[in-house]
PDB file of N, CA and C in Angstrom:
ATOM      1  N   MET A   1      26.370  45.978 395.617  1.00  0.00           N
ATOM      2  CA  MET A   1      26.555  46.144 394.199  1.00  0.00           C
ATOM      3  C   MET A   1      25.596  45.203 393.479  1.00  0.00           C
ATOM      4  N   ASN A   2      24.848  45.746 392.553  1.00  0.00           N
ATOM      5  CA  ASN A   2      23.812  44.979 391.870  1.00  0.00           C
ATOM      6  C   ASN A   2      24.097  44.802 390.388  1.00  0.00           C
ATOM      7  N   ILE A   3      25.329  44.624 390.013  1.00  0.00           N
ATOM      8  CA  ILE A   3      25.678  44.446 388.609  1.00  0.00           C
ATOM      9  C   ILE A   3      26.243  43.042 388.427  1.00  0.00           C
ATOM     10  N   GLN A   4      25.640  42.279 387.544  1.00  0.00           N
ATOM     11  CA  GLN A   4      26.146  40.948 387.205  1.00  0.00           C
ATOM     12  C   GLN A   4      26.405  40.926 385.702  1.00  0.00           C
ATOM     13  N   PRO A   5      27.678  40.888 385.287  1.00  0.00           N
ATOM     14  CA  PRO A   5      27.982  40.853 383.859  1.00  0.00           C
ATOM     15  C   PRO A   5      27.473  39.563 383.214  1.00  0.00           C
ATOM     16  N   LEU A   6      27.133  39.645 381.944  1.00  0.00           N
ATOM     17  CA  LEU A   6      26.639  38.502 381.195  1.00  0.00           C
ATOM     18  C   LEU A   6      27.680  38.019 380.193  1.00  0.00           C
ATOM     19  N   LYS A   7      27.522  36.800 379.743  1.00  0.00           N
ATOM     20  CA  LYS A   7      28.355  36.164 378.715  1.00  0.00           C
ATOM     21  C   LYS A   7      29.831  36.275 379.050  1.00  0.00           C
ATOM     22  N   ASP A   8      30.650  36.852 378.145  1.00  0.00           N
ATOM     23  CA  ASP A   8      32.099  36.924 378.370  1.00  0.00           C
ATOM     24  C   ASP A   8      32.540  38.300 378.859  1.00  0.00           C
ATOM     25  N   ASN A   9      31.672  38.985 379.591  1.00  0.00           N
ATOM     26  CA  ASN A   9      31.989  40.303 380.140  1.00  0.00           C
ATOM     27  C   ASN A   9      32.517  40.185 381.564  1.00  0.00           C
ATOM     28  N   ILE A  10      33.339  41.158 381.939  1.00  0.00           N
ATOM     29  CA  ILE A  10      33.962  41.190 383.262  1.00  0.00           C
ATOM     30  C   ILE A  10      33.727  42.570 383.853  1.00  0.00           C
ATOM     31  N   LEU A  11      33.328  42.621 385.120  1.00  0.00           N
ATOM     32  CA  LEU A  11      33.126  43.881 385.830  1.00  0.00           C
ATOM     33  C   LEU A  11      34.361  44.160 386.672  1.00  0.00           C
ATOM     34  N   ILE A  12      34.966  45.324 386.474  1.00  0.00           N
ATOM     35  CA  ILE A  12      36.163  45.673 387.236  1.00  0.00           C
ATOM     36  C   ILE A  12      36.027  47.068 387.833  1.00  0.00           C
ATOM     37  N   THR A  13      36.828  47.314 388.859  1.00  0.00           N
ATOM     38  CA  THR A  13      36.979  48.671 389.382  1.00  0.00           C
ATOM     39  C   THR A  13      38.355  49.138 388.938  1.00  0.00           C
ATOM     40  N   PRO A  14      38.408  50.160 388.091  1.00  0.00           N
ATOM     41  CA  PRO A  14      39.702  50.672 387.628  1.00  0.00           C
ATOM     42  C   PRO A  14      40.486  51.297 388.777  1.00  0.00           C
ATOM     43  N   GLU A  15      41.788  51.058 388.789  1.00  0.00           N
ATOM     44  CA  GLU A  15      42.656  51.700 389.782  1.00  0.00           C
ATOM     45  C   GLU A  15      42.970  53.110 389.324  1.00  0.00           C
ATOM     46  N   LYS A  16      43.068  53.989 390.267  1.00  0.00           N
ATOM     47  CA  LYS A  16      43.464  55.361 389.948  1.00  0.00           C
ATOM     48  C   LYS A  16      44.951  55.368 389.663  1.00  0.00           C
ATOM     49  N   LYS A  17      45.332  55.969 388.537  1.00  0.00           N
ATOM     50  CA  LYS A  17      46.759  56.041 388.237  1.00  0.00           C
ATOM     51  C   LYS A  17      47.339  57.279 388.903  1.00  0.00           C
ATOM     52  N   SER A  18      48.598  57.184 389.266  1.00  0.00           N
ATOM     53  CA  SER A  18      49.244  58.321 389.904  1.00  0.00           C
ATOM     54  C   SER A  18      49.462  59.417 388.866  1.00  0.00           C
ATOM     55  N   GLU A  19      49.027  60.577 389.211  1.00  0.00           N
ATOM     56  CA  GLU A  19      49.147  61.705 388.296  1.00  0.00           C
ATOM     57  C   GLU A  19      50.475  62.420 388.533  1.00  0.00           C
ATOM     58  N   LYS A  20      51.289  62.482 387.508  1.00  0.00           N
ATOM     59  CA  LYS A  20      52.544  63.229 387.584  1.00  0.00           C
ATOM     60  C   LYS A  20      52.426  64.415 386.639  1.00  0.00           C
ATOM     61  N   ASN A  21      51.646  65.391 387.045  1.00  0.00           N
ATOM     62  CA  ASN A  21      51.405  66.560 386.211  1.00  0.00           C
ATOM     63  C   ASN A  21      52.339  67.706 386.540  1.00  0.00           C
ATOM     64  N   LYS A  22      53.254  67.487 387.475  1.00  0.00           N
ATOM     65  CA  LYS A  22      54.143  68.558 387.907  1.00  0.00           C
ATOM     66  C   LYS A  22      55.572  68.026 387.966  1.00  0.00           C
ATOM     67  N   THR A  23      56.498  68.763 387.370  1.00  0.00           N
ATOM     68  CA  THR A  23      57.902  68.367 387.411  1.00  0.00           C
ATOM     69  C   THR A  23      58.487  68.723 388.766  1.00  0.00           C
ATOM     70  N   GLU A  24      59.713  68.243 389.035  1.00  0.00           N
ATOM     71  CA  GLU A  24      60.378  68.555 390.298  1.00  0.00           C
ATOM     72  C   GLU A  24      60.613  70.049 390.467  1.00  0.00           C
ATOM     73  N   SER A  25      60.788  70.761 389.361  1.00  0.00           N
ATOM     74  CA  SER A  25      61.025  72.204 389.450  1.00  0.00           C
ATOM     75  C   SER A  25      59.732  73.007 389.549  1.00  0.00           C
ATOM     76  N   GLY A  26      58.559  72.328 389.512  1.00  0.00           N
ATOM     77  CA  GLY A  26      57.298  73.013 389.716  1.00  0.00           C
ATOM     78  C   GLY A  26      56.525  73.345 388.453  1.00  0.00           C
ATOM     79  N   ILE A  27      56.982  72.880 387.305  1.00  0.00           N
ATOM     80  CA  ILE A  27      56.286  73.160 386.044  1.00  0.00           C
ATOM     81  C   ILE A  27      55.151  72.151 385.873  1.00  0.00           C
ATOM     82  N   PHE A  28      53.942  72.664 385.589  1.00  0.00           N
ATOM     83  CA  PHE A  28      52.798  71.795 385.365  1.00  0.00           C
ATOM     84  C   PHE A  28      52.777  71.333 383.917  1.00  0.00           C
ATOM     85  N   LEU A  29      52.574  70.025 383.722  1.00  0.00           N
ATOM     86  CA  LEU A  29      52.556  69.426 382.391  1.00  0.00           C
ATOM     87  C   LEU A  29      51.115  69.156 381.964  1.00  0.00           C
ATOM     88  N   PRO A  30      50.789  69.392 380.686  1.00  0.00           N
ATOM     89  CA  PRO A  30      49.445  69.042 380.222  1.00  0.00           C
ATOM     90  C   PRO A  30      49.292  67.529 380.154  1.00  0.00           C
ATOM     91  N   GLU A  31      48.063  67.046 380.244  1.00  0.00           N
ATOM     92  CA  GLU A  31      47.807  65.606 380.231  1.00  0.00           C
ATOM     93  C   GLU A  31      48.283  64.949 378.949  1.00  0.00           C
ATOM     94  N   THR A  32      48.254  65.657 377.837  1.00  0.00           N
ATOM     95  CA  THR A  32      48.647  65.081 376.554  1.00  0.00           C
ATOM     96  C   THR A  32      50.142  64.818 376.471  1.00  0.00           C
ATOM     97  N   SER A  33      50.939  65.431 377.327  1.00  0.00           N
ATOM     98  CA  SER A  33      52.378  65.186 377.290  1.00  0.00           C
ATOM     99  C   SER A  33      52.756  63.921 378.050  1.00  0.00           C
ATOM    100  N   ASN A  34      51.811  63.349 378.759  1.00  0.00           N
ATOM    101  CA  ASN A  34      52.078  62.175 379.565  1.00  0.00           C
ATOM    102  C   ASN A  34      51.961  60.916 378.705  1.00  0.00           C
ATOM    103  N   ASN A  35      53.043  60.172 378.569  1.00  0.00           N
ATOM    104  CA  ASN A  35      53.034  58.960 377.747  1.00  0.00           C
ATOM    105  C   ASN A  35      52.125  57.877 378.306  1.00  0.00           C
ATOM    106  N   GLU A  36      51.757  57.955 379.608  1.00  0.00           N
ATOM    107  CA  GLU A  36      50.900  56.945 380.203  1.00  0.00           C
ATOM    108  C   GLU A  36      49.504  56.951 379.602  1.00  0.00           C
ATOM    109  N   SER A  37      49.143  58.030 378.893  1.00  0.00           N
ATOM    110  CA  SER A  37      47.792  58.099 378.339  1.00  0.00           C
ATOM    111  C   SER A  37      47.562  57.030 377.270  1.00  0.00           C
ATOM    112  N   GLU A  38      48.619  56.439 376.725  1.00  0.00           N
ATOM    113  CA  GLU A  38      48.474  55.415 375.691  1.00  0.00           C
ATOM    114  C   GLU A  38      48.696  54.005 376.238  1.00  0.00           C
ATOM    115  N   ARG A  39      48.967  53.871 377.515  1.00  0.00           N
ATOM    116  CA  ARG A  39      49.262  52.560 378.091  1.00  0.00           C
ATOM    117  C   ARG A  39      47.989  51.861 378.558  1.00  0.00           C
ATOM    118  N   PRO A  40      48.053  50.528 378.676  1.00  0.00           N
ATOM    119  CA  PRO A  40      46.919  49.790 379.226  1.00  0.00           C
ATOM    120  C   PRO A  40      46.658  50.196 380.679  1.00  0.00           C
ATOM    121  N   GLN A  41      45.516  49.829 381.172  1.00  0.00           N
ATOM    122  CA  GLN A  41      45.093  50.199 382.518  1.00  0.00           C
ATOM    123  C   GLN A  41      45.096  48.983 383.439  1.00  0.00           C
ATOM    124  N   ILE A  42      45.005  49.232 384.750  1.00  0.00           N
ATOM    125  CA  ILE A  42      44.969  48.185 385.763  1.00  0.00           C
ATOM    126  C   ILE A  42      43.658  48.288 386.525  1.00  0.00           C
ATOM    127  N   GLY A  43      43.076  47.136 386.851  1.00  0.00           N
ATOM    128  CA  GLY A  43      41.841  47.126 387.614  1.00  0.00           C
ATOM    129  C   GLY A  43      41.687  45.823 388.375  1.00  0.00           C
ATOM    130  N   LYS A  44      40.714  45.816 389.295  1.00  0.00           N
ATOM    131  CA  LYS A  44      40.435  44.618 390.092  1.00  0.00           C
ATOM    132  C   LYS A  44      39.092  44.046 389.652  1.00  0.00           C
ATOM    133  N   ILE A  45      39.049  42.737 389.466  1.00  0.00           N
ATOM    134  CA  ILE A  45      37.826  42.070 389.017  1.00  0.00           C
ATOM    135  C   ILE A  45      36.843  41.955 390.174  1.00  0.00           C
ATOM    136  N   ILE A  46      35.636  42.440 389.945  1.00  0.00           N
ATOM    137  CA  ILE A  46      34.571  42.401 390.946  1.00  0.00           C
ATOM    138  C   ILE A  46      33.609  41.246 390.663  1.00  0.00           C
ATOM    139  N   ALA A  47      33.294  41.031 389.389  1.00  0.00           N
ATOM    140  CA  ALA A  47      32.377  39.952 389.000  1.00  0.00           C
ATOM    141  C   ALA A  47      32.686  39.535 387.571  1.00  0.00           C
ATOM    142  N   ILE A  48      32.346  38.294 387.236  1.00  0.00           N
ATOM    143  CA  ILE A  48      32.561  37.792 385.880  1.00  0.00           C
ATOM    144  C   ILE A  48      31.256  37.216 385.331  1.00  0.00           C
ATOM    145  N   GLY A  49      31.168  37.172 384.001  1.00  0.00           N
ATOM    146  CA  GLY A  49      30.005  36.594 383.342  1.00  0.00           C
ATOM    147  C   GLY A  49      30.021  35.080 383.416  1.00  0.00           C
ATOM    148  N   ASP A  50      29.047  34.463 382.746  1.00  0.00           N
ATOM    149  CA  ASP A  50      28.884  33.019 382.850  1.00  0.00           C
ATOM    150  C   ASP A  50      29.476  32.228 381.684  1.00  0.00           C
ATOM    151  N   SER A  51      30.277  32.880 380.852  1.00  0.00           N
ATOM    152  CA  SER A  51      30.868  32.207 379.704  1.00  0.00           C
ATOM    153  C   SER A  51      32.023  31.294 380.126  1.00  0.00           C
ATOM    154  N   LYS A  52      32.165  30.173 379.434  1.00  0.00           N
ATOM    155  CA  LYS A  52      33.288  29.265 379.698  1.00  0.00           C
ATOM    156  C   LYS A  52      34.589  29.797 379.118  1.00  0.00           C
ATOM    157  N   LYS A  53      34.501  30.849 378.280  1.00  0.00           N
ATOM    158  CA  LYS A  53      35.702  31.431 377.668  1.00  0.00           C
ATOM    159  C   LYS A  53      36.462  32.335 378.639  1.00  0.00           C
ATOM    160  N   ILE A  54      35.862  32.708 379.753  1.00  0.00           N
ATOM    161  CA  ILE A  54      36.518  33.627 380.686  1.00  0.00           C
ATOM    162  C   ILE A  54      37.679  32.931 381.364  1.00  0.00           C
ATOM    163  N   THR A  55      38.838  33.570 381.333  1.00  0.00           N
ATOM    164  CA  THR A  55      40.068  32.964 381.841  1.00  0.00           C
ATOM    165  C   THR A  55      40.569  33.589 383.139  1.00  0.00           C
ATOM    166  N   VAL A  56      39.825  34.526 383.706  1.00  0.00           N
ATOM    167  CA  VAL A  56      40.242  35.194 384.940  1.00  0.00           C
ATOM    168  C   VAL A  56      39.230  34.901 386.043  1.00  0.00           C
ATOM    169  N   LYS A  57      39.597  35.266 387.287  1.00  0.00           N
ATOM    170  CA  LYS A  57      38.744  34.987 388.441  1.00  0.00           C
ATOM    171  C   LYS A  57      38.468  36.265 389.223  1.00  0.00           C
ATOM    172  N   LYS A  58      37.372  36.235 389.942  1.00  0.00           N
ATOM    173  CA  LYS A  58      37.001  37.351 390.806  1.00  0.00           C
ATOM    174  C   LYS A  58      38.121  37.610 391.815  1.00  0.00           C
ATOM    175  N   GLY A  59      38.438  38.894 392.028  1.00  0.00           N
ATOM    176  CA  GLY A  59      39.465  39.281 392.988  1.00  0.00           C
ATOM    177  C   GLY A  59      40.837  39.510 392.382  1.00  0.00           C
ATOM    178  N   GLN A  60      41.080  39.036 391.155  1.00  0.00           N
ATOM    179  CA  GLN A  60      42.388  39.220 390.529  1.00  0.00           C
ATOM    180  C   GLN A  60      42.562  40.654 390.039  1.00  0.00           C
ATOM    181  N   ARG A  61      43.809  41.101 390.029  1.00  0.00           N
ATOM    182  CA  ARG A  61      44.151  42.386 389.407  1.00  0.00           C
ATOM    183  C   ARG A  61      44.602  42.095 387.991  1.00  0.00           C
ATOM    184  N   ILE A  62      44.116  42.903 387.052  1.00  0.00           N
ATOM    185  CA  ILE A  62      44.406  42.664 385.641  1.00  0.00           C
ATOM    186  C   ILE A  62      44.880  43.941 384.960  1.00  0.00           C
ATOM    187  N   ILE A  63      45.502  43.741 383.807  1.00  0.00           N
ATOM    188  CA  ILE A  63      45.846  44.829 382.900  1.00  0.00           C
ATOM    189  C   ILE A  63      44.930  44.672 381.694  1.00  0.00           C
ATOM    190  N   TYR A  64      44.257  45.754 381.311  1.00  0.00           N
ATOM    191  CA  TYR A  64      43.313  45.704 380.191  1.00  0.00           C
ATOM    192  C   TYR A  64      43.573  46.869 379.248  1.00  0.00           C
ATOM    193  N   ASN A  65      43.076  46.756 378.016  1.00  0.00           N
ATOM    194  CA  ASN A  65      43.234  47.820 377.024  1.00  0.00           C
ATOM    195  C   ASN A  65      42.596  49.113 377.512  1.00  0.00           C
ATOM    196  N   LYS A  66      43.269  50.213 377.270  1.00  0.00           N
ATOM    197  CA  LYS A  66      42.807  51.510 377.755  1.00  0.00           C
ATOM    198  C   LYS A  66      41.445  51.901 377.208  1.00  0.00           C
ATOM    199  N   TYR A  67      41.211  51.728 375.945  1.00  0.00           N
ATOM    200  CA  TYR A  67      39.979  52.217 375.328  1.00  0.00           C
ATOM    201  C   TYR A  67      38.908  51.143 375.211  1.00  0.00           C
ATOM    202  N   SER A  68      38.983  50.115 376.031  1.00  0.00           N
ATOM    203  CA  SER A  68      37.977  49.056 375.974  1.00  0.00           C
ATOM    204  C   SER A  68      36.948  49.257 377.076  1.00  0.00           C
ATOM    205  N   GLY A  69      35.805  48.648 376.886  1.00  0.00           N
ATOM    206  CA  GLY A  69      34.810  48.605 377.938  1.00  0.00           C
ATOM    207  C   GLY A  69      33.851  49.778 377.988  1.00  0.00           C
ATOM    208  N   THR A  70      32.923  49.669 378.928  1.00  0.00           N
ATOM    209  CA  THR A  70      31.894  50.668 379.153  1.00  0.00           C
ATOM    210  C   THR A  70      31.924  51.077 380.620  1.00  0.00           C
ATOM    211  N   GLU A  71      32.027  52.381 380.873  1.00  0.00           N
ATOM    212  CA  GLU A  71      32.007  52.876 382.243  1.00  0.00           C
ATOM    213  C   GLU A  71      30.583  52.914 382.761  1.00  0.00           C
ATOM    214  N   VAL A  72      30.426  52.516 384.029  1.00  0.00           N
ATOM    215  CA  VAL A  72      29.135  52.537 384.690  1.00  0.00           C
ATOM    216  C   VAL A  72      29.331  53.170 386.065  1.00  0.00           C
ATOM    217  N   LEU A  73      28.523  54.185 386.391  1.00  0.00           N
ATOM    218  CA  LEU A  73      28.579  54.822 387.699  1.00  0.00           C
ATOM    219  C   LEU A  73      27.378  54.344 388.502  1.00  0.00           C
ATOM    220  N   MET A  74      27.652  53.647 389.616  1.00  0.00           N
ATOM    221  CA  MET A  74      26.572  53.139 390.452  1.00  0.00           C
ATOM    222  C   MET A  74      26.925  53.364 391.910  1.00  0.00           C
ATOM    223  N   GLU A  75      26.022  54.015 392.633  1.00  0.00           N
ATOM    224  CA  GLU A  75      26.192  54.297 394.058  1.00  0.00           C
ATOM    225  C   GLU A  75      27.507  55.017 394.335  1.00  0.00           C
ATOM    226  N   GLY A  76      27.883  55.933 393.445  1.00  0.00           N
ATOM    227  CA  GLY A  76      29.079  56.738 393.629  1.00  0.00           C
ATOM    228  C   GLY A  76      30.389  56.051 393.269  1.00  0.00           C
ATOM    229  N   VAL A  77      30.331  54.832 392.758  1.00  0.00           N
ATOM    230  CA  VAL A  77      31.530  54.084 392.393  1.00  0.00           C
ATOM    231  C   VAL A  77      31.537  53.885 390.878  1.00  0.00           C
ATOM    232  N   THR A  78      32.703  54.134 390.260  1.00  0.00           N
ATOM    233  CA  THR A  78      32.840  53.920 388.823  1.00  0.00           C
ATOM    234  C   THR A  78      33.331  52.506 388.566  1.00  0.00           C
ATOM    235  N   TYR A  79      32.562  51.773 387.783  1.00  0.00           N
ATOM    236  CA  TYR A  79      32.922  50.418 387.371  1.00  0.00           C
ATOM    237  C   TYR A  79      33.183  50.436 385.875  1.00  0.00           C
ATOM    238  N   LEU A  80      33.844  49.401 385.395  1.00  0.00           N
ATOM    239  CA  LEU A  80      34.089  49.251 383.972  1.00  0.00           C
ATOM    240  C   LEU A  80      33.731  47.819 383.580  1.00  0.00           C
ATOM    241  N   ILE A  81      32.940  47.687 382.517  1.00  0.00           N
ATOM    242  CA  ILE A  81      32.595  46.369 381.995  1.00  0.00           C
ATOM    243  C   ILE A  81      33.414  46.153 380.731  1.00  0.00           C
ATOM    244  N   VAL A  82      34.282  45.135 380.755  1.00  0.00           N
ATOM    245  CA  VAL A  82      35.151  44.843 379.614  1.00  0.00           C
ATOM    246  C   VAL A  82      34.925  43.403 379.153  1.00  0.00           C
ATOM    247  N   LYS A  83      35.284  43.150 377.920  1.00  0.00           N
ATOM    248  CA  LYS A  83      35.232  41.791 377.367  1.00  0.00           C
ATOM    249  C   LYS A  83      36.452  41.000 377.860  1.00  0.00           C
ATOM    250  N   ASN A  84      36.296  39.703 377.969  1.00  0.00           N
ATOM    251  CA  ASN A  84      37.406  38.842 378.345  1.00  0.00           C
ATOM    252  C   ASN A  84      38.584  39.015 377.381  1.00  0.00           C
ATOM    253  N   ASP A  85      38.300  39.238 376.108  1.00  0.00           N
ATOM    254  CA  ASP A  85      39.360  39.413 375.105  1.00  0.00           C
ATOM    255  C   ASP A  85      40.178  40.683 375.313  1.00  0.00           C
ATOM    256  N   ASP A  86      39.653  41.657 376.063  1.00  0.00           N
ATOM    257  CA  ASP A  86      40.368  42.899 376.311  1.00  0.00           C
ATOM    258  C   ASP A  86      41.341  42.806 377.481  1.00  0.00           C
ATOM    259  N   VAL A  87      41.317  41.689 378.199  1.00  0.00           N
ATOM    260  CA  VAL A  87      42.253  41.475 379.296  1.00  0.00           C
ATOM    261  C   VAL A  87      43.582  41.048 378.709  1.00  0.00           C
ATOM    262  N   LEU A  88      44.634  41.803 379.032  1.00  0.00           N
ATOM    263  CA  LEU A  88      45.962  41.526 378.480  1.00  0.00           C
ATOM    264  C   LEU A  88      46.814  40.652 379.398  1.00  0.00           C
ATOM    265  N   ALA A  89      46.638  40.808 380.726  1.00  0.00           N
ATOM    266  CA  ALA A  89      47.475  40.055 381.656  1.00  0.00           C
ATOM    267  C   ALA A  89      46.859  40.067 383.053  1.00  0.00           C
ATOM    268  N   VAL A  90      47.294  39.099 383.863  1.00  0.00           N
ATOM    269  CA  VAL A  90      46.911  39.045 385.272  1.00  0.00           C
ATOM    270  C   VAL A  90      48.145  39.423 386.077  1.00  0.00           C
ATOM    271  N   ILE A  91      47.962  40.297 387.049  1.00  0.00           N
ATOM    272  CA  ILE A  91      49.067  40.713 387.917  1.00  0.00           C
ATOM    273  C   ILE A  91      49.135  39.714 389.063  1.00  0.00           C
ATOM    274  N   THR A  92      50.281  39.064 389.207  1.00  0.00           N
ATOM    275  CA  THR A  92      50.393  37.987 390.178  1.00  0.00           C
ATOM    276  C   THR A  92      50.997  38.407 391.508  1.00  0.00           C
ATOM    277  N   LYS A  93      51.527  39.581 391.587  1.00  0.00           N
ATOM    278  CA  LYS A  93      52.125  40.037 392.853  1.00  0.00           C
ATOM    279  C   LYS A  93      51.236  40.944 393.593  1.00  0.00           C
TER     280      LYS A  93
END
């Protein structure tokens, strides 16, 4: 991987969320009916910038704002570059 974030940016790999598009009775639900579309996302930190304001570390799993960051596709892997301010929490378990 040849991406090094600058300043207060963080490079993460977003986790795939489990898709529940089908009810137990077999009815398919449209994506817009899923309340998860408005929730924050989870990802793993791959690299961090060089700013002293960054409060997270490489390897941590975090929760970040859904509509934050810039998607980057490199070598078949989707990465997301987000600002340190867009990180809402660190997952400790």
